[in-house]
Amino acid sequence: VDGNGSVNSSLEELKPGGGTSVRENELIERGWVVGPNPAQSSIHAQIPALETTQTPSYALISANGSIVRSGSLILAGNTYLVDATVADLAQGMYQLVVTAAGGQHLGTWSVQISR
């Protein structure tokens, strides 16, 4: 969060060694579970059901800003699920970005892909 109270979603915000950022700690408190991290073959996420009438979507974004995976979240009971295969992606840092219909940002989680 910068001095104006805005969330900085850049990759530079990450702590060295795969630590969680302040914004990820807030997502943990809201019930988000994302793993494994680091990932080798796939990323799984469980996100509490959101107050929305349309299914949210996700994008997995590389460090250069390219969307490398995207799709709709799957509703299972009162939880939305993400299951993304990453085995074919290059090693490095990625951002899992979840948005509601209409583009409202719901959360961003940093994911390391390693081999």
Protein backbone atom coordinates (compact mmCIF):
# COMPACT_ATOMS: atom_id res chain seq x y z
CA VAL A 1 0.00 0.00 0.00
CA ASP A 2 1.47 3.32 -0.99
CA GLY A 3 1.32 6.61 0.94
CA ASN A 4 -2.04 7.44 -0.67
CA GLY A 5 -3.66 4.23 0.56
CA SER A 6 -3.61 2.59 -2.91
CA VAL A 7 -2.65 -1.04 -3.29
CA ASN A 8 0.57 -1.56 -5.24
CA SER A 9 0.12 -4.74 -7.25
CA SER A 10 3.59 -4.80 -8.84
CA LEU A 11 5.85 -7.83 -8.64
CA GLU A 12 8.44 -5.71 -6.82
CA GLU A 13 6.20 -5.77 -3.73
CA LEU A 14 7.02 -9.44 -3.11
CA LYS A 15 9.28 -10.35 -0.25
CA PRO A 16 12.45 -12.26 -1.17
CA GLY A 17 12.33 -15.98 -0.49
CA GLY A 18 8.65 -16.43 -1.34
CA GLY A 19 7.19 -14.61 1.69
CA THR A 20 3.66 -13.30 1.54
CA SER A 21 2.92 -9.64 0.98
CA VAL A 22 0.58 -7.54 3.10
CA ARG A 23 -2.19 -7.85 0.52
CA GLU A 24 -1.84 -11.66 0.49
CA ASN A 25 -2.13 -11.73 4.29
CA GLU A 26 -5.43 -9.86 3.89
CA LEU A 27 -6.61 -12.50 1.39
CA ILE A 28 -5.64 -15.26 3.84
CA GLU A 29 -7.78 -13.54 6.47
CA ARG A 30 -10.65 -13.47 3.95
CA GLY A 31 -10.29 -17.26 3.52
CA TRP A 32 -8.27 -17.53 0.30
CA VAL A 33 -6.13 -20.66 -0.09
CA VAL A 34 -3.69 -20.85 -3.03
CA GLY A 35 -1.11 -23.56 -3.57
CA PRO A 36 1.20 -25.19 -3.96
CA ASN A 37 3.56 -22.27 -3.91
CA PRO A 38 6.04 -22.72 -5.46
CA ALA A 39 4.14 -24.69 -8.10
CA GLN A 40 5.51 -27.18 -10.61
CA SER A 41 2.58 -28.65 -12.54
CA SER A 42 -0.60 -26.92 -11.39
CA ILE A 43 -2.02 -24.18 -9.19
CA HIS A 44 -5.14 -24.72 -7.11
CA ALA A 45 -7.10 -21.97 -5.38
CA GLN A 46 -10.10 -21.95 -3.07
CA ILE A 47 -11.82 -18.59 -2.68
CA PRO A 48 -14.90 -18.06 -0.50
CA ALA A 49 -18.07 -17.44 -2.51
CA LEU A 50 -18.38 -13.79 -3.37
CA GLU A 51 -21.46 -11.61 -3.36
CA THR A 52 -21.88 -11.56 -7.11
CA THR A 53 -24.58 -12.76 -9.46
CA GLN A 54 -22.10 -13.75 -12.18
CA THR A 55 -19.16 -16.12 -11.99
CA PRO A 56 -15.82 -14.36 -11.36
CA SER A 57 -12.85 -15.01 -13.62
CA TYR A 58 -9.11 -15.41 -13.14
CA ALA A 59 -6.01 -14.56 -15.12
CA LEU A 60 -2.50 -15.85 -14.51
CA ILE A 61 -0.15 -13.06 -15.57
CA SER A 62 3.58 -13.38 -16.24
CA ALA A 63 6.22 -10.93 -15.02
CA ASN A 64 6.15 -9.17 -18.40
CA GLY A 65 2.39 -8.61 -18.14
CA SER A 66 1.19 -11.31 -20.54
CA ILE A 67 -1.92 -13.32 -19.65
CA VAL A 68 -0.75 -16.95 -19.84
CA ARG A 69 -3.90 -18.62 -18.42
CA SER A 70 -7.44 -17.41 -17.86
CA GLY A 71 -10.88 -18.80 -17.19
CA SER A 72 -13.97 -18.74 -15.03
CA LEU A 73 -13.95 -19.86 -11.43
CA ILE A 74 -16.00 -22.97 -10.64
CA LEU A 75 -18.60 -22.69 -7.87
CA ALA A 76 -18.57 -25.67 -5.49
CA GLY A 77 -20.90 -25.13 -2.55
CA ASN A 78 -19.91 -21.81 -1.01
CA THR A 79 -16.40 -21.76 -2.52
CA TYR A 80 -15.04 -20.77 -5.92
CA LEU A 81 -12.27 -23.00 -7.28
CA VAL A 82 -9.38 -22.41 -9.68
CA ASP A 83 -7.39 -25.29 -11.14
CA ALA A 84 -4.75 -24.12 -13.63
CA THR A 85 -2.10 -26.28 -15.27
CA VAL A 86 1.30 -24.57 -15.30
CA ALA A 87 3.66 -27.41 -16.27
CA ASP A 88 4.34 -25.84 -19.67
CA LEU A 89 5.11 -22.35 -18.31
CA ALA A 90 8.60 -20.95 -17.76
CA GLN A 91 9.98 -20.72 -14.23
CA GLY A 92 9.40 -17.39 -12.56
CA MET A 93 6.93 -15.19 -10.71
CA TYR A 94 3.32 -14.90 -11.83
CA GLN A 95 0.25 -13.09 -10.52
CA LEU A 96 -3.10 -14.88 -10.08
CA VAL A 97 -5.65 -12.08 -10.51
CA VAL A 98 -9.34 -12.65 -9.71
CA THR A 99 -12.00 -10.25 -10.99
CA ALA A 100 -15.77 -10.10 -10.72
CA ALA A 101 -17.99 -9.68 -13.74
CA GLY A 102 -17.64 -6.09 -14.85
CA GLY A 103 -13.92 -6.02 -14.04
CA GLN A 104 -14.00 -5.34 -10.27
CA HIS A 105 -10.66 -6.50 -8.82
CA LEU A 106 -11.23 -9.04 -6.04
CA GLY A 107 -7.67 -10.06 -5.25
CA THR A 108 -4.17 -10.83 -6.52
CA TRP A 109 -1.91 -13.64 -5.33
CA SER A 110 1.76 -14.07 -6.27
CA VAL A 111 2.79 -17.54 -7.42
CA GLN A 112 6.29 -18.88 -8.04
CA ILE A 113 6.68 -21.54 -10.74
CA SER A 114 9.79 -23.68 -10.34
CA ARG A 115 11.15 -26.94 -11.63
